[in-house]
Amino acid sequence: YWNAPRFVLWLPLAGDEDALLKGMTRNARNDIKAAYKKGVEFSLGGPDDLDDFYRLMVGMGAAKGVAVHGAAYYR
C-alpha cells in the first residue's frame, strides 16, 4: 500500500463515448476536451508498449516526487 491512491473511482466502460463522458465530472470532461484540442492522441496500448509506459511512469514519478513500482509490476 506504499503507493496506493487515496481515492479510487470506478467508471463503467459500457456504452458509447457520450455515455462515458456523462459519467465523468465536468473537470474531467474539460481536461479531455482540452487535450484533444492540443493534439493529444489516445490509443489502446498493448504488451509492446510497456517499455514506453514505464519510461513515462518513471519520468512522472521523478517530476512529481511519487514512488513508482518496478517494471515487473506493470508486466
PDB file of N, CA and C in Angstrom:
ATOM      1  N   TYR A   1       0.804  -1.206   0.000  1.00  0.00           N
ATOM      2  CA  TYR A   1       0.000   0.000   0.000  1.00  0.00           C
ATOM      3  C   TYR A   1       0.847   1.270   0.000  1.00  0.00           C
ATOM      4  N   TRP A   2       2.131   1.133  -0.224  1.00  0.00           N
ATOM      5  CA  TRP A   2       3.035   2.277  -0.167  1.00  0.00           C
ATOM      6  C   TRP A   2       2.752   3.300  -1.253  1.00  0.00           C
ATOM      7  N   ASN A   3       2.081   2.895  -2.324  1.00  0.00           N
ATOM      8  CA  ASN A   3       1.817   3.819  -3.413  1.00  0.00           C
ATOM      9  C   ASN A   3       0.359   3.730  -3.836  1.00  0.00           C
ATOM     10  N   ALA A   4      -0.509   3.381  -2.907  1.00  0.00           N
ATOM     11  CA  ALA A   4      -1.924   3.241  -3.234  1.00  0.00           C
ATOM     12  C   ALA A   4      -2.581   4.620  -3.325  1.00  0.00           C
ATOM     13  N   PRO A   5      -3.514   4.784  -4.243  1.00  0.00           N
ATOM     14  CA  PRO A   5      -4.209   6.068  -4.346  1.00  0.00           C
ATOM     15  C   PRO A   5      -5.095   6.316  -3.129  1.00  0.00           C
ATOM     16  N   ARG A   6      -5.275   7.560  -2.781  1.00  0.00           N
ATOM     17  CA  ARG A   6      -6.132   7.915  -1.659  1.00  0.00           C
ATOM     18  C   ARG A   6      -7.592   7.641  -2.001  1.00  0.00           C
ATOM     19  N   PHE A   7      -7.976   7.891  -3.230  1.00  0.00           N
ATOM     20  CA  PHE A   7      -9.343   7.676  -3.673  1.00  0.00           C
ATOM     21  C   PHE A   7      -9.326   6.833  -4.940  1.00  0.00           C
ATOM     22  N   VAL A   8     -10.274   5.963  -5.075  1.00  0.00           N
ATOM     23  CA  VAL A   8     -10.420   5.145  -6.280  1.00  0.00           C
ATOM     24  C   VAL A   8     -11.813   5.392  -6.833  1.00  0.00           C
ATOM     25  N   LEU A   9     -11.889   5.741  -8.089  1.00  0.00           N
ATOM     26  CA  LEU A   9     -13.166   5.970  -8.747  1.00  0.00           C
ATOM     27  C   LEU A   9     -13.348   4.937  -9.845  1.00  0.00           C
ATOM     28  N   TRP A  10     -14.536   4.412  -9.953  1.00  0.00           N
ATOM     29  CA  TRP A  10     -14.846   3.420 -10.981  1.00  0.00           C
ATOM     30  C   TRP A  10     -15.734   4.066 -12.026  1.00  0.00           C
ATOM     31  N   LEU A  11     -15.389   3.856 -13.297  1.00  0.00           N
ATOM     32  CA  LEU A  11     -16.181   4.370 -14.401  1.00  0.00           C
ATOM     33  C   LEU A  11     -16.528   3.195 -15.304  1.00  0.00           C
ATOM     34  N   PRO A  12     -17.792   2.789 -15.335  1.00  0.00           N
ATOM     35  CA  PRO A  12     -18.168   1.691 -16.231  1.00  0.00           C
ATOM     36  C   PRO A  12     -17.868   2.074 -17.685  1.00  0.00           C
ATOM     37  N   LEU A  13     -17.261   1.162 -18.425  1.00  0.00           N
ATOM     38  CA  LEU A  13     -16.856   1.461 -19.799  1.00  0.00           C
ATOM     39  C   LEU A  13     -17.862   0.987 -20.835  1.00  0.00           C
ATOM     40  N   ALA A  14     -19.042   0.605 -20.399  1.00  0.00           N
ATOM     41  CA  ALA A  14     -20.085   0.194 -21.344  1.00  0.00           C
ATOM     42  C   ALA A  14     -20.726   1.441 -21.946  1.00  0.00           C
ATOM     43  N   GLY A  15     -21.088   1.345 -23.199  1.00  0.00           N
ATOM     44  CA  GLY A  15     -21.753   2.464 -23.858  1.00  0.00           C
ATOM     45  C   GLY A  15     -20.827   3.198 -24.801  1.00  0.00           C
ATOM     46  N   ASP A  16     -21.385   4.220 -25.434  1.00  0.00           N
ATOM     47  CA  ASP A  16     -20.610   4.987 -26.403  1.00  0.00           C
ATOM     48  C   ASP A  16     -19.832   6.104 -25.698  1.00  0.00           C
ATOM     49  N   GLU A  17     -19.104   6.871 -26.476  1.00  0.00           N
ATOM     50  CA  GLU A  17     -18.253   7.922 -25.919  1.00  0.00           C
ATOM     51  C   GLU A  17     -19.060   8.962 -25.152  1.00  0.00           C
ATOM     52  N   ASP A  18     -20.216   9.336 -25.666  1.00  0.00           N
ATOM     53  CA  ASP A  18     -21.046  10.326 -24.976  1.00  0.00           C
ATOM     54  C   ASP A  18     -21.477   9.826 -23.599  1.00  0.00           C
ATOM     55  N   ALA A  19     -21.842   8.550 -23.511  1.00  0.00           N
ATOM     56  CA  ALA A  19     -22.256   7.977 -22.230  1.00  0.00           C
ATOM     57  C   ALA A  19     -21.084   7.966 -21.248  1.00  0.00           C
ATOM     58  N   LEU A  20     -19.891   7.656 -21.744  1.00  0.00           N
ATOM     59  CA  LEU A  20     -18.717   7.656 -20.870  1.00  0.00           C
ATOM     60  C   LEU A  20     -18.422   9.050 -20.342  1.00  0.00           C
ATOM     61  N   LEU A  21     -18.493  10.028 -21.219  1.00  0.00           N
ATOM     62  CA  LEU A  21     -18.215  11.400 -20.804  1.00  0.00           C
ATOM     63  C   LEU A  21     -19.235  11.897 -19.783  1.00  0.00           C
ATOM     64  N   LYS A  22     -20.497  11.496 -19.937  1.00  0.00           N
ATOM     65  CA  LYS A  22     -21.532  11.905 -18.984  1.00  0.00           C
ATOM     66  C   LYS A  22     -21.277  11.311 -17.604  1.00  0.00           C
ATOM     67  N   GLY A  23     -20.564  10.186 -17.547  1.00  0.00           N
ATOM     68  CA  GLY A  23     -20.256   9.558 -16.270  1.00  0.00           C
ATOM     69  C   GLY A  23     -19.078  10.185 -15.551  1.00  0.00           C
ATOM     70  N   MET A  24     -18.428  11.150 -16.174  1.00  0.00           N
ATOM     71  CA  MET A  24     -17.255  11.818 -15.590  1.00  0.00           C
ATOM     72  C   MET A  24     -17.650  13.163 -15.006  1.00  0.00           C
ATOM     73  N   THR A  25     -16.770  13.693 -14.193  1.00  0.00           N
ATOM     74  CA  THR A  25     -17.007  15.030 -13.663  1.00  0.00           C
ATOM     75  C   THR A  25     -16.809  16.067 -14.771  1.00  0.00           C
ATOM     76  N   ARG A  26     -17.333  17.232 -14.546  1.00  0.00           N
ATOM     77  CA  ARG A  26     -17.193  18.316 -15.530  1.00  0.00           C
ATOM     78  C   ARG A  26     -15.724  18.632 -15.783  1.00  0.00           C
ATOM     79  N   ASN A  27     -14.912  18.659 -14.712  1.00  0.00           N
ATOM     80  CA  ASN A  27     -13.482  18.954 -14.873  1.00  0.00           C
ATOM     81  C   ASN A  27     -12.783  17.893 -15.708  1.00  0.00           C
ATOM     82  N   ALA A  28     -13.127  16.622 -15.498  1.00  0.00           N
ATOM     83  CA  ALA A  28     -12.519  15.547 -16.281  1.00  0.00           C
ATOM     84  C   ALA A  28     -12.875  15.699 -17.757  1.00  0.00           C
ATOM     85  N   ARG A  29     -14.141  16.001 -18.024  1.00  0.00           N
ATOM     86  CA  ARG A  29     -14.558  16.210 -19.427  1.00  0.00           C
ATOM     87  C   ARG A  29     -13.799  17.375 -20.045  1.00  0.00           C
ATOM     88  N   ASN A  30     -13.655  18.456 -19.301  1.00  0.00           N
ATOM     89  CA  ASN A  30     -12.933  19.625 -19.819  1.00  0.00           C
ATOM     90  C   ASN A  30     -11.466  19.307 -20.067  1.00  0.00           C
ATOM     91  N   ASP A  31     -10.846  18.531 -19.182  1.00  0.00           N
ATOM     92  CA  ASP A  31      -9.444  18.144 -19.373  1.00  0.00           C
ATOM     93  C   ASP A  31      -9.277  17.304 -20.637  1.00  0.00           C
ATOM     94  N   ILE A  32     -10.201  16.394 -20.875  1.00  0.00           N
ATOM     95  CA  ILE A  32     -10.132  15.543 -22.069  1.00  0.00           C
ATOM     96  C   ILE A  32     -10.311  16.385 -23.324  1.00  0.00           C
ATOM     97  N   LYS A  33     -11.280  17.267 -23.310  1.00  0.00           N
ATOM     98  CA  LYS A  33     -11.507  18.134 -24.478  1.00  0.00           C
ATOM     99  C   LYS A  33     -10.295  19.025 -24.749  1.00  0.00           C
ATOM    100  N   ALA A  34      -9.687  19.561 -23.686  1.00  0.00           N
ATOM    101  CA  ALA A  34      -8.500  20.402 -23.850  1.00  0.00           C
ATOM    102  C   ALA A  34      -7.351  19.596 -24.446  1.00  0.00           C
ATOM    103  N   ALA A  35      -7.201  18.354 -24.023  1.00  0.00           N
ATOM    104  CA  ALA A  35      -6.134  17.511 -24.564  1.00  0.00           C
ATOM    105  C   ALA A  35      -6.345  17.277 -26.059  1.00  0.00           C
ATOM    106  N   TYR A  36      -7.582  16.991 -26.471  1.00  0.00           N
ATOM    107  CA  TYR A  36      -7.869  16.813 -27.895  1.00  0.00           C
ATOM    108  C   TYR A  36      -7.507  18.072 -28.679  1.00  0.00           C
ATOM    109  N   LYS A  37      -7.864  19.233 -28.139  1.00  0.00           N
ATOM    110  CA  LYS A  37      -7.581  20.488 -28.835  1.00  0.00           C
ATOM    111  C   LYS A  37      -6.083  20.742 -28.972  1.00  0.00           C
ATOM    112  N   LYS A  38      -5.302  20.236 -28.020  1.00  0.00           N
ATOM    113  CA  LYS A  38      -3.851  20.408 -28.065  1.00  0.00           C
ATOM    114  C   LYS A  38      -3.163  19.344 -28.906  1.00  0.00           C
ATOM    115  N   GLY A  39      -3.949  18.430 -29.496  1.00  0.00           N
ATOM    116  CA  GLY A  39      -3.381  17.433 -30.386  1.00  0.00           C
ATOM    117  C   GLY A  39      -2.988  16.117 -29.732  1.00  0.00           C
ATOM    118  N   VAL A  40      -3.392  15.919 -28.477  1.00  0.00           N
ATOM    119  CA  VAL A  40      -3.087  14.655 -27.810  1.00  0.00           C
ATOM    120  C   VAL A  40      -3.901  13.547 -28.473  1.00  0.00           C
ATOM    121  N   GLU A  41      -3.246  12.448 -28.769  1.00  0.00           N
ATOM    122  CA  GLU A  41      -3.920  11.302 -29.369  1.00  0.00           C
ATOM    123  C   GLU A  41      -4.018  10.191 -28.340  1.00  0.00           C
ATOM    124  N   PHE A  42      -5.184   9.578 -28.251  1.00  0.00           N
ATOM    125  CA  PHE A  42      -5.418   8.491 -27.324  1.00  0.00           C
ATOM    126  C   PHE A  42      -5.496   7.189 -28.099  1.00  0.00           C
ATOM    127  N   SER A  43      -4.870   6.141 -27.573  1.00  0.00           N
ATOM    128  CA  SER A  43      -4.942   4.841 -28.230  1.00  0.00           C
ATOM    129  C   SER A  43      -4.836   3.749 -27.177  1.00  0.00           C
ATOM    130  N   LEU A  44      -5.305   2.588 -27.520  1.00  0.00           N
ATOM    131  CA  LEU A  44      -5.229   1.441 -26.629  1.00  0.00           C
ATOM    132  C   LEU A  44      -3.868   0.795 -26.796  1.00  0.00           C
ATOM    133  N   GLY A  45      -3.145   0.672 -25.709  1.00  0.00           N
ATOM    134  CA  GLY A  45      -1.813   0.078 -25.760  1.00  0.00           C
ATOM    135  C   GLY A  45      -1.857  -1.423 -25.530  1.00  0.00           C
ATOM    136  N   GLY A  46      -0.740  -2.057 -25.737  1.00  0.00           N
ATOM    137  CA  GLY A  46      -0.607  -3.490 -25.536  1.00  0.00           C
ATOM    138  C   GLY A  46       0.737  -3.813 -24.903  1.00  0.00           C
ATOM    139  N   PRO A  47       1.066  -5.086 -24.809  1.00  0.00           N
ATOM    140  CA  PRO A  47       2.324  -5.501 -24.178  1.00  0.00           C
ATOM    141  C   PRO A  47       3.569  -4.858 -24.796  1.00  0.00           C
ATOM    142  N   ASP A  48       3.531  -4.584 -26.079  1.00  0.00           N
ATOM    143  CA  ASP A  48       4.696  -3.980 -26.737  1.00  0.00           C
ATOM    144  C   ASP A  48       4.930  -2.530 -26.300  1.00  0.00           C
ATOM    145  N   ASP A  49       3.928  -1.930 -25.665  1.00  0.00           N
ATOM    146  CA  ASP A  49       4.032  -0.531 -25.254  1.00  0.00           C
ATOM    147  C   ASP A  49       4.486  -0.365 -23.805  1.00  0.00           C
ATOM    148  N   LEU A  50       4.710  -1.456 -23.098  1.00  0.00           N
ATOM    149  CA  LEU A  50       5.027  -1.369 -21.674  1.00  0.00           C
ATOM    150  C   LEU A  50       6.345  -0.650 -21.390  1.00  0.00           C
ATOM    151  N   ASP A  51       7.339  -0.811 -22.243  1.00  0.00           N
ATOM    152  CA  ASP A  51       8.609  -0.109 -22.013  1.00  0.00           C
ATOM    153  C   ASP A  51       8.412   1.405 -22.080  1.00  0.00           C
ATOM    154  N   ASP A  52       7.654   1.872 -23.070  1.00  0.00           N
ATOM    155  CA  ASP A  52       7.371   3.307 -23.176  1.00  0.00           C
ATOM    156  C   ASP A  52       6.535   3.778 -21.994  1.00  0.00           C
ATOM    157  N   PHE A  53       5.529   2.981 -21.613  1.00  0.00           N
ATOM    158  CA  PHE A  53       4.694   3.319 -20.474  1.00  0.00           C
ATOM    159  C   PHE A  53       5.541   3.445 -19.209  1.00  0.00           C
ATOM    160  N   TYR A  54       6.442   2.506 -18.996  1.00  0.00           N
ATOM    161  CA  TYR A  54       7.270   2.532 -17.789  1.00  0.00           C
ATOM    162  C   TYR A  54       8.207   3.743 -17.797  1.00  0.00           C
ATOM    163  N   ARG A  55       8.758   4.057 -18.939  1.00  0.00           N
ATOM    164  CA  ARG A  55       9.621   5.244 -19.050  1.00  0.00           C
ATOM    165  C   ARG A  55       8.841   6.501 -18.662  1.00  0.00           C
ATOM    166  N   LEU A  56       7.598   6.604 -19.109  1.00  0.00           N
ATOM    167  CA  LEU A  56       6.766   7.748 -18.752  1.00  0.00           C
ATOM    168  C   LEU A  56       6.437   7.757 -17.259  1.00  0.00           C
ATOM    169  N   MET A  57       6.168   6.584 -16.693  1.00  0.00           N
ATOM    170  CA  MET A  57       5.877   6.494 -15.261  1.00  0.00           C
ATOM    171  C   MET A  57       7.072   6.954 -14.422  1.00  0.00           C
ATOM    172  N   VAL A  58       8.269   6.519 -14.803  1.00  0.00           N
ATOM    173  CA  VAL A  58       9.475   6.903 -14.072  1.00  0.00           C
ATOM    174  C   VAL A  58       9.689   8.411 -14.171  1.00  0.00           C
ATOM    175  N   GLY A  59       9.494   8.973 -15.348  1.00  0.00           N
ATOM    176  CA  GLY A  59       9.635  10.416 -15.528  1.00  0.00           C
ATOM    177  C   GLY A  59       8.626  11.195 -14.700  1.00  0.00           C
ATOM    178  N   MET A  60       7.377  10.725 -14.684  1.00  0.00           N
ATOM    179  CA  MET A  60       6.347  11.375 -13.897  1.00  0.00           C
ATOM    180  C   MET A  60       6.669  11.261 -12.411  1.00  0.00           C
ATOM    181  N   GLY A  61       7.125  10.088 -12.001  1.00  0.00           N
ATOM    182  CA  GLY A  61       7.469   9.877 -10.600  1.00  0.00           C
ATOM    183  C   GLY A  61       8.574  10.805 -10.142  1.00  0.00           C
ATOM    184  N   ALA A  62       9.567  10.976 -10.987  1.00  0.00           N
ATOM    185  CA  ALA A  62      10.674  11.867 -10.648  1.00  0.00           C
ATOM    186  C   ALA A  62      10.213  13.322 -10.592  1.00  0.00           C
ATOM    187  N   ALA A  63       9.380  13.719 -11.538  1.00  0.00           N
ATOM    188  CA  ALA A  63       8.918  15.108 -11.589  1.00  0.00           C
ATOM    189  C   ALA A  63       7.982  15.441 -10.432  1.00  0.00           C
ATOM    190  N   LYS A  64       7.148  14.484 -10.043  1.00  0.00           N
ATOM    191  CA  LYS A  64       6.138  14.733  -9.008  1.00  0.00           C
ATOM    192  C   LYS A  64       6.563  14.252  -7.625  1.00  0.00           C
ATOM    193  N   GLY A  65       7.704  13.560  -7.552  1.00  0.00           N
ATOM    194  CA  GLY A  65       8.143  13.034  -6.275  1.00  0.00           C
ATOM    195  C   GLY A  65       7.294  11.869  -5.794  1.00  0.00           C
ATOM    196  N   VAL A  66       6.817  11.065  -6.740  1.00  0.00           N
ATOM    197  CA  VAL A  66       5.944   9.932  -6.435  1.00  0.00           C
ATOM    198  C   VAL A  66       6.718   8.641  -6.661  1.00  0.00           C
ATOM    199  N   ALA A  67       6.553   7.700  -5.750  1.00  0.00           N
ATOM    200  CA  ALA A  67       7.222   6.401  -5.906  1.00  0.00           C
ATOM    201  C   ALA A  67       6.564   5.628  -7.052  1.00  0.00           C
ATOM    202  N   VAL A  68       7.377   4.892  -7.784  1.00  0.00           N
ATOM    203  CA  VAL A  68       6.904   4.095  -8.923  1.00  0.00           C
ATOM    204  C   VAL A  68       7.351   2.653  -8.708  1.00  0.00           C
ATOM    205  N   HIS A  69       6.459   1.728  -8.977  1.00  0.00           N
ATOM    206  CA  HIS A  69       6.810   0.311  -8.888  1.00  0.00           C
ATOM    207  C   HIS A  69       7.895  -0.029  -9.906  1.00  0.00           C
ATOM    208  N   GLY A  70       8.544  -1.170  -9.745  1.00  0.00           N
ATOM    209  CA  GLY A  70       9.486  -1.664 -10.734  1.00  0.00           C
ATOM    210  C   GLY A  70       8.766  -2.095 -12.000  1.00  0.00           C
ATOM    211  N   ALA A  71       9.501  -2.227 -13.089  1.00  0.00           N
ATOM    212  CA  ALA A  71       8.910  -2.576 -14.378  1.00  0.00           C
ATOM    213  C   ALA A  71       8.152  -3.891 -14.330  1.00  0.00           C
ATOM    214  N   ALA A  72       8.626  -4.856 -13.551  1.00  0.00           N
ATOM    215  CA  ALA A  72       7.968  -6.161 -13.477  1.00  0.00           C
ATOM    216  C   ALA A  72       6.541  -6.045 -12.952  1.00  0.00           C
ATOM    217  N   TYR A  73       6.282  -5.088 -12.097  1.00  0.00           N
ATOM    218  CA  TYR A  73       4.942  -4.888 -11.549  1.00  0.00           C
ATOM    219  C   TYR A  73       3.932  -4.625 -12.666  1.00  0.00           C
ATOM    220  N   TYR A  74       4.298  -3.823 -13.641  1.00  0.00           N
ATOM    221  CA  TYR A  74       3.384  -3.442 -14.723  1.00  0.00           C
ATOM    222  C   TYR A  74       3.255  -4.543 -15.767  1.00  0.00           C
ATOM    223  N   ARG A  75       4.258  -5.402 -15.877  1.00  0.00           N
ATOM    224  CA  ARG A  75       4.169  -6.510 -16.814  1.00  0.00           C
ATOM    225  C   ARG A  75       3.198  -7.534 -16.295  1.00  0.00           C
TER     226      ARG A  75
END
